[in-house]
């Protein structure tokens, strides 16, 4: 007696989506690490240490929250993708991943462009 008689097998991801997911994970983790690093360095730059010599700057705390939000959205995407039983249910997490990757790349390009056009001259 077969165990999986009632379930249809889900097709494998196309190569394009697999590469998008891989780059999304790398970009999201890297962006989160950069945000955490900036959050740790910002109080030292602004000399804004509290009584326990920890970061109390609202900007630094905002950077930590943004990093946490990125990791949470990555975890939500992975959960949605792993629980998707049909092709239609898989579309939402795949598109969320693609949109997050596009936003991260746009933010990085804007940051680099701003540095080249405004700060460098």
N, C-alpha and C. Protein backbone atom coordinates (compact mmCIF):
# COMPACT_ATOMS: atom_id res chain seq x y z
N UNK A 1 0.85 -1.17 0.00
CA UNK A 1 0.00 0.00 0.00
C UNK A 1 0.90 1.24 0.00
N UNK A 2 0.67 2.12 -0.92
CA UNK A 2 1.49 3.31 -1.06
C UNK A 2 1.07 4.36 -0.03
N UNK A 3 2.04 5.05 0.52
CA UNK A 3 1.77 6.05 1.55
C UNK A 3 1.23 7.33 0.94
N UNK A 4 1.69 7.71 -0.22
CA UNK A 4 1.34 9.00 -0.82
C UNK A 4 0.26 8.86 -1.90
N UNK A 5 -0.73 8.03 -1.72
CA UNK A 5 -1.74 7.84 -2.75
C UNK A 5 -2.62 9.06 -2.93
N UNK A 6 -2.93 9.80 -1.89
CA UNK A 6 -3.85 10.92 -1.99
C UNK A 6 -3.19 12.22 -2.38
N UNK A 7 -1.89 12.30 -2.42
CA UNK A 7 -1.20 13.55 -2.71
C UNK A 7 -0.59 13.53 -4.10
N UNK A 8 -0.76 14.65 -4.79
CA UNK A 8 -0.10 14.80 -6.08
C UNK A 8 1.29 15.36 -5.85
N UNK A 9 2.27 14.86 -6.55
CA UNK A 9 3.61 15.41 -6.39
C UNK A 9 3.69 16.82 -6.98
N UNK A 10 4.39 17.69 -6.28
CA UNK A 10 4.57 19.06 -6.74
C UNK A 10 5.79 19.11 -7.64
N UNK A 11 5.65 19.82 -8.75
CA UNK A 11 6.78 19.92 -9.68
C UNK A 11 7.94 20.65 -9.02
N UNK A 12 9.13 20.36 -9.52
CA UNK A 12 10.31 21.06 -9.04
C UNK A 12 10.29 22.49 -9.54
N UNK A 13 11.04 23.35 -8.83
CA UNK A 13 11.13 24.74 -9.25
C UNK A 13 11.93 24.86 -10.53
N UNK A 14 11.52 25.74 -11.41
CA UNK A 14 12.35 26.02 -12.59
C UNK A 14 13.68 26.65 -12.15
N UNK A 15 14.68 26.55 -13.00
CA UNK A 15 16.02 27.03 -12.66
C UNK A 15 16.00 28.53 -12.36
N UNK A 16 15.23 29.30 -13.11
CA UNK A 16 15.16 30.74 -12.89
C UNK A 16 14.67 31.10 -11.50
N UNK A 17 13.62 30.40 -11.05
CA UNK A 17 13.10 30.67 -9.71
C UNK A 17 14.07 30.19 -8.64
N UNK A 18 14.73 29.08 -8.88
CA UNK A 18 15.71 28.59 -7.91
C UNK A 18 16.86 29.59 -7.75
N UNK A 19 17.33 30.15 -8.87
CA UNK A 19 18.40 31.15 -8.79
C UNK A 19 17.90 32.43 -8.11
N UNK A 20 16.66 32.82 -8.39
CA UNK A 20 16.09 34.00 -7.73
C UNK A 20 16.04 33.80 -6.23
N UNK A 21 15.58 32.63 -5.80
CA UNK A 21 15.53 32.34 -4.37
C UNK A 21 16.92 32.33 -3.74
N UNK A 22 17.89 31.76 -4.43
CA UNK A 22 19.25 31.71 -3.89
C UNK A 22 19.83 33.11 -3.74
N UNK A 23 19.67 33.95 -4.76
CA UNK A 23 20.17 35.33 -4.67
C UNK A 23 19.40 36.13 -3.63
N UNK A 24 18.11 35.85 -3.50
CA UNK A 24 17.30 36.54 -2.50
C UNK A 24 17.79 36.23 -1.10
N UNK A 25 18.07 34.97 -0.83
CA UNK A 25 18.56 34.59 0.50
C UNK A 25 19.90 35.28 0.78
N UNK A 26 20.81 35.23 -0.18
CA UNK A 26 22.11 35.87 0.01
C UNK A 26 21.98 37.37 0.20
N UNK A 27 21.20 38.03 -0.63
CA UNK A 27 21.04 39.48 -0.53
C UNK A 27 20.35 39.88 0.78
N UNK A 28 19.35 39.11 1.20
CA UNK A 28 18.63 39.43 2.42
C UNK A 28 19.53 39.27 3.64
N UNK A 29 20.27 38.18 3.70
CA UNK A 29 21.17 37.97 4.84
C UNK A 29 22.28 39.02 4.86
N UNK A 30 22.84 39.33 3.69
CA UNK A 30 23.89 40.34 3.62
C UNK A 30 23.35 41.71 4.02
N UNK A 31 22.18 42.08 3.53
CA UNK A 31 21.59 43.37 3.90
C UNK A 31 21.30 43.42 5.39
N UNK A 32 20.84 42.32 5.97
CA UNK A 32 20.58 42.29 7.41
C UNK A 32 21.86 42.46 8.22
N UNK A 33 22.92 41.79 7.78
CA UNK A 33 24.20 41.94 8.47
C UNK A 33 24.73 43.37 8.37
N UNK A 34 24.59 43.98 7.20
CA UNK A 34 25.03 45.37 7.03
C UNK A 34 24.22 46.30 7.92
N UNK A 35 22.91 46.11 7.97
CA UNK A 35 22.07 46.94 8.83
C UNK A 35 22.43 46.77 10.30
N UNK A 36 22.69 45.54 10.72
CA UNK A 36 23.10 45.32 12.12
C UNK A 36 24.46 45.96 12.39
N UNK A 37 25.38 45.84 11.45
CA UNK A 37 26.69 46.48 11.62
C UNK A 37 26.58 47.99 11.72
N UNK A 38 25.75 48.57 10.85
CA UNK A 38 25.54 50.02 10.93
C UNK A 38 24.87 50.41 12.24
N UNK A 39 23.94 49.59 12.69
CA UNK A 39 23.28 49.87 13.96
C UNK A 39 24.25 49.81 15.13
N UNK A 40 25.24 48.92 15.05
CA UNK A 40 26.24 48.85 16.11
C UNK A 40 27.24 50.00 16.04
N UNK A 41 27.59 50.43 14.83
CA UNK A 41 28.58 51.50 14.66
C UNK A 41 27.99 52.90 14.85
N UNK A 42 26.72 53.08 14.57
CA UNK A 42 26.11 54.39 14.59
C UNK A 42 26.21 55.10 15.94
N UNK A 43 25.95 54.44 17.06
CA UNK A 43 26.09 55.15 18.34
C UNK A 43 27.52 55.61 18.61
N UNK A 44 28.50 54.85 18.15
CA UNK A 44 29.89 55.27 18.33
C UNK A 44 30.22 56.48 17.49
N UNK A 45 29.64 56.55 16.30
CA UNK A 45 29.86 57.70 15.43
C UNK A 45 29.17 58.93 16.01
N UNK A 46 27.95 58.73 16.49
CA UNK A 46 27.18 59.85 17.06
C UNK A 46 27.49 60.08 18.53
N UNK A 47 28.31 59.23 19.13
CA UNK A 47 28.62 59.28 20.56
C UNK A 47 27.34 59.30 21.38
N UNK A 48 26.48 58.34 21.10
CA UNK A 48 25.16 58.27 21.73
C UNK A 48 25.03 56.96 22.50
N UNK A 49 25.82 56.80 23.53
CA UNK A 49 25.72 55.61 24.35
C UNK A 49 24.92 55.93 25.60
N UNK A 50 24.08 55.00 25.98
CA UNK A 50 23.25 55.18 27.16
C UNK A 50 23.99 54.78 28.42
N UNK A 51 23.25 54.68 29.53
CA UNK A 51 23.88 54.34 30.80
C UNK A 51 24.58 52.99 30.79
N UNK A 52 24.09 52.04 30.01
CA UNK A 52 24.71 50.71 29.96
C UNK A 52 25.65 50.58 28.78
N UNK A 53 26.06 51.70 28.20
CA UNK A 53 26.93 51.76 27.02
C UNK A 53 26.39 50.92 25.86
N UNK A 54 25.10 50.88 25.72
CA UNK A 54 24.46 50.20 24.59
C UNK A 54 23.87 51.21 23.64
N UNK A 55 23.54 50.81 22.45
CA UNK A 55 22.97 51.75 21.49
C UNK A 55 21.58 52.20 21.90
N UNK A 56 21.41 53.50 22.04
CA UNK A 56 20.10 54.05 22.39
C UNK A 56 19.58 54.96 21.30
N UNK A 57 20.32 55.12 20.25
CA UNK A 57 19.91 55.99 19.16
C UNK A 57 18.66 55.41 18.49
N UNK A 58 17.63 56.23 18.27
CA UNK A 58 16.45 55.73 17.56
C UNK A 58 16.79 55.25 16.15
N UNK A 59 17.77 55.88 15.53
CA UNK A 59 18.17 55.44 14.19
C UNK A 59 18.79 54.05 14.24
N UNK A 60 19.65 53.82 15.24
CA UNK A 60 20.27 52.50 15.39
C UNK A 60 19.21 51.44 15.68
N UNK A 61 18.27 51.76 16.54
CA UNK A 61 17.20 50.80 16.83
C UNK A 61 16.33 50.55 15.60
N UNK A 62 16.14 51.57 14.77
CA UNK A 62 15.41 51.40 13.51
C UNK A 62 16.15 50.48 12.55
N UNK A 63 17.48 50.59 12.53
CA UNK A 63 18.27 49.70 11.68
C UNK A 63 18.15 48.24 12.14
N UNK A 64 18.17 48.04 13.46
CA UNK A 64 18.00 46.69 14.00
C UNK A 64 16.61 46.15 13.66
N UNK A 65 15.60 47.00 13.76
CA UNK A 65 14.24 46.58 13.42
C UNK A 65 14.11 46.24 11.94
N UNK A 66 14.77 47.01 11.08
CA UNK A 66 14.73 46.71 9.65
C UNK A 66 15.41 45.38 9.35
N UNK A 67 16.54 45.12 10.01
CA UNK A 67 17.21 43.83 9.83
C UNK A 67 16.34 42.68 10.31
N UNK A 68 15.68 42.87 11.44
CA UNK A 68 14.78 41.84 11.95
C UNK A 68 13.60 41.62 11.00
N UNK A 69 13.09 42.71 10.43
CA UNK A 69 12.00 42.59 9.46
C UNK A 69 12.41 41.84 8.21
N UNK A 70 13.64 42.08 7.73
CA UNK A 70 14.13 41.34 6.57
C UNK A 70 14.23 39.85 6.85
N UNK A 71 14.79 39.50 8.00
CA UNK A 71 14.93 38.09 8.34
C UNK A 71 13.56 37.45 8.56
N UNK A 72 12.64 38.19 9.18
CA UNK A 72 11.29 37.65 9.39
C UNK A 72 10.58 37.42 8.06
N UNK A 73 10.75 38.34 7.10
CA UNK A 73 10.10 38.15 5.80
C UNK A 73 10.73 36.97 5.05
N UNK A 74 12.02 36.77 5.23
CA UNK A 74 12.68 35.62 4.63
C UNK A 74 12.15 34.32 5.23
N UNK A 75 11.98 34.30 6.55
CA UNK A 75 11.43 33.11 7.21
C UNK A 75 9.98 32.86 6.79
N UNK A 76 9.20 33.93 6.64
CA UNK A 76 7.81 33.77 6.20
C UNK A 76 7.75 33.22 4.79
N UNK A 77 8.63 33.70 3.92
CA UNK A 77 8.66 33.20 2.54
C UNK A 77 9.03 31.73 2.52
N UNK A 78 10.03 31.35 3.32
CA UNK A 78 10.44 29.95 3.36
C UNK A 78 9.32 29.06 3.90
N UNK A 79 8.61 29.55 4.91
CA UNK A 79 7.50 28.78 5.48
C UNK A 79 6.37 28.62 4.46
N UNK A 80 6.01 29.72 3.81
CA UNK A 80 4.95 29.63 2.80
C UNK A 80 5.34 28.70 1.66
N UNK A 81 6.59 28.77 1.25
CA UNK A 81 7.04 27.94 0.13
C UNK A 81 7.08 26.46 0.52
N UNK A 82 7.49 26.17 1.74
CA UNK A 82 7.58 24.77 2.15
C UNK A 82 6.20 24.15 2.38
N UNK A 83 5.21 24.96 2.74
CA UNK A 83 3.87 24.43 2.99
C UNK A 83 2.96 24.46 1.76
N UNK A 84 3.45 25.03 0.68
CA UNK A 84 2.64 25.11 -0.53
C UNK A 84 2.46 23.72 -1.13
N UNK A 85 1.22 23.33 -1.28
CA UNK A 85 0.94 22.01 -1.83
C UNK A 85 0.65 22.02 -3.31
N UNK A 86 0.28 23.17 -3.82
CA UNK A 86 -0.07 23.25 -5.23
C UNK A 86 0.80 24.31 -5.91
N UNK A 87 0.76 24.28 -7.21
CA UNK A 87 1.52 25.26 -7.99
C UNK A 87 1.01 26.67 -7.75
N UNK A 88 -0.28 26.80 -7.59
CA UNK A 88 -0.89 28.12 -7.35
C UNK A 88 -0.47 28.68 -5.99
N UNK A 89 -0.38 27.83 -4.99
CA UNK A 89 0.03 28.27 -3.65
C UNK A 89 1.50 28.65 -3.61
N UNK A 90 2.28 28.14 -4.56
CA UNK A 90 3.71 28.46 -4.60
C UNK A 90 4.00 29.80 -5.24
N UNK A 91 3.07 30.33 -6.00
CA UNK A 91 3.32 31.59 -6.70
C UNK A 91 3.54 32.76 -5.75
N UNK A 92 2.74 32.86 -4.69
CA UNK A 92 2.84 33.99 -3.76
C UNK A 92 4.22 34.10 -3.12
N UNK A 93 4.75 33.05 -2.49
CA UNK A 93 6.08 33.21 -1.90
C UNK A 93 7.18 33.45 -2.94
N UNK A 94 7.04 32.89 -4.12
CA UNK A 94 8.05 33.13 -5.15
C UNK A 94 8.04 34.59 -5.59
N UNK A 95 6.86 35.17 -5.77
CA UNK A 95 6.80 36.58 -6.16
C UNK A 95 7.20 37.50 -5.02
N UNK A 96 6.88 37.13 -3.77
CA UNK A 96 7.35 37.92 -2.63
C UNK A 96 8.87 37.93 -2.57
N UNK A 97 9.47 36.80 -2.85
CA UNK A 97 10.92 36.71 -2.87
C UNK A 97 11.51 37.57 -3.97
N UNK A 98 10.90 37.53 -5.15
CA UNK A 98 11.40 38.33 -6.27
C UNK A 98 11.26 39.82 -6.00
N UNK A 99 10.15 40.22 -5.38
CA UNK A 99 9.94 41.64 -5.07
C UNK A 99 10.93 42.10 -4.00
N UNK A 100 11.15 41.28 -2.97
CA UNK A 100 12.13 41.64 -1.92
C UNK A 100 13.52 41.78 -2.52
N UNK A 101 13.90 40.86 -3.41
CA UNK A 101 15.21 40.94 -4.05
C UNK A 101 15.32 42.20 -4.90
N UNK A 102 14.28 42.53 -5.65
CA UNK A 102 14.30 43.74 -6.47
C UNK A 102 14.42 44.99 -5.61
N UNK A 103 13.72 45.04 -4.49
CA UNK A 103 13.81 46.19 -3.59
C UNK A 103 15.20 46.31 -2.97
N UNK A 104 15.80 45.20 -2.59
CA UNK A 104 17.15 45.23 -2.02
C UNK A 104 18.17 45.70 -3.05
N UNK A 105 18.04 45.21 -4.28
CA UNK A 105 18.95 45.63 -5.33
C UNK A 105 18.75 47.10 -5.68
N UNK A 106 17.51 47.56 -5.70
CA UNK A 106 17.23 48.96 -5.97
C UNK A 106 17.80 49.85 -4.87
N UNK A 107 17.67 49.44 -3.62
CA UNK A 107 18.23 50.21 -2.50
C UNK A 107 19.75 50.26 -2.59
N UNK A 108 20.38 49.14 -2.92
CA UNK A 108 21.84 49.13 -3.05
C UNK A 108 22.29 50.01 -4.20
N UNK A 109 21.60 49.94 -5.33
CA UNK A 109 21.96 50.78 -6.48
C UNK A 109 21.76 52.26 -6.17
N UNK A 110 20.71 52.60 -5.45
CA UNK A 110 20.46 53.98 -5.05
C UNK A 110 21.55 54.48 -4.12
N UNK A 111 21.94 53.65 -3.17
CA UNK A 111 23.01 54.01 -2.23
C UNK A 111 24.32 54.26 -2.97
N UNK A 112 24.66 53.39 -3.90
CA UNK A 112 25.90 53.56 -4.67
C UNK A 112 25.81 54.78 -5.57
N UNK A 113 24.67 54.96 -6.23
CA UNK A 113 24.48 56.14 -7.08
C UNK A 113 24.56 57.43 -6.30
N UNK A 114 23.97 57.46 -5.13
CA UNK A 114 24.03 58.65 -4.27
C UNK A 114 25.48 58.94 -3.88
N UNK A 115 26.23 57.91 -3.55
CA UNK A 115 27.63 58.11 -3.18
C UNK A 115 28.45 58.63 -4.34
N UNK A 116 28.18 58.13 -5.53
CA UNK A 116 28.95 58.56 -6.70
C UNK A 116 28.57 59.98 -7.14
N UNK A 117 27.29 60.26 -7.18
CA UNK A 117 26.82 61.55 -7.71
C UNK A 117 26.86 62.69 -6.70
N UNK A 118 26.61 62.41 -5.44
CA UNK A 118 26.47 63.49 -4.46
C UNK A 118 27.69 63.60 -3.55
N UNK A 119 28.13 62.51 -3.02
CA UNK A 119 29.22 62.56 -2.02
C UNK A 119 30.59 62.69 -2.67
N UNK A 120 30.82 61.95 -3.75
CA UNK A 120 32.15 61.92 -4.37
C UNK A 120 32.62 63.26 -4.92
N UNK A 121 31.79 64.03 -5.64
CA UNK A 121 32.29 65.31 -6.19
C UNK A 121 32.59 66.26 -5.08
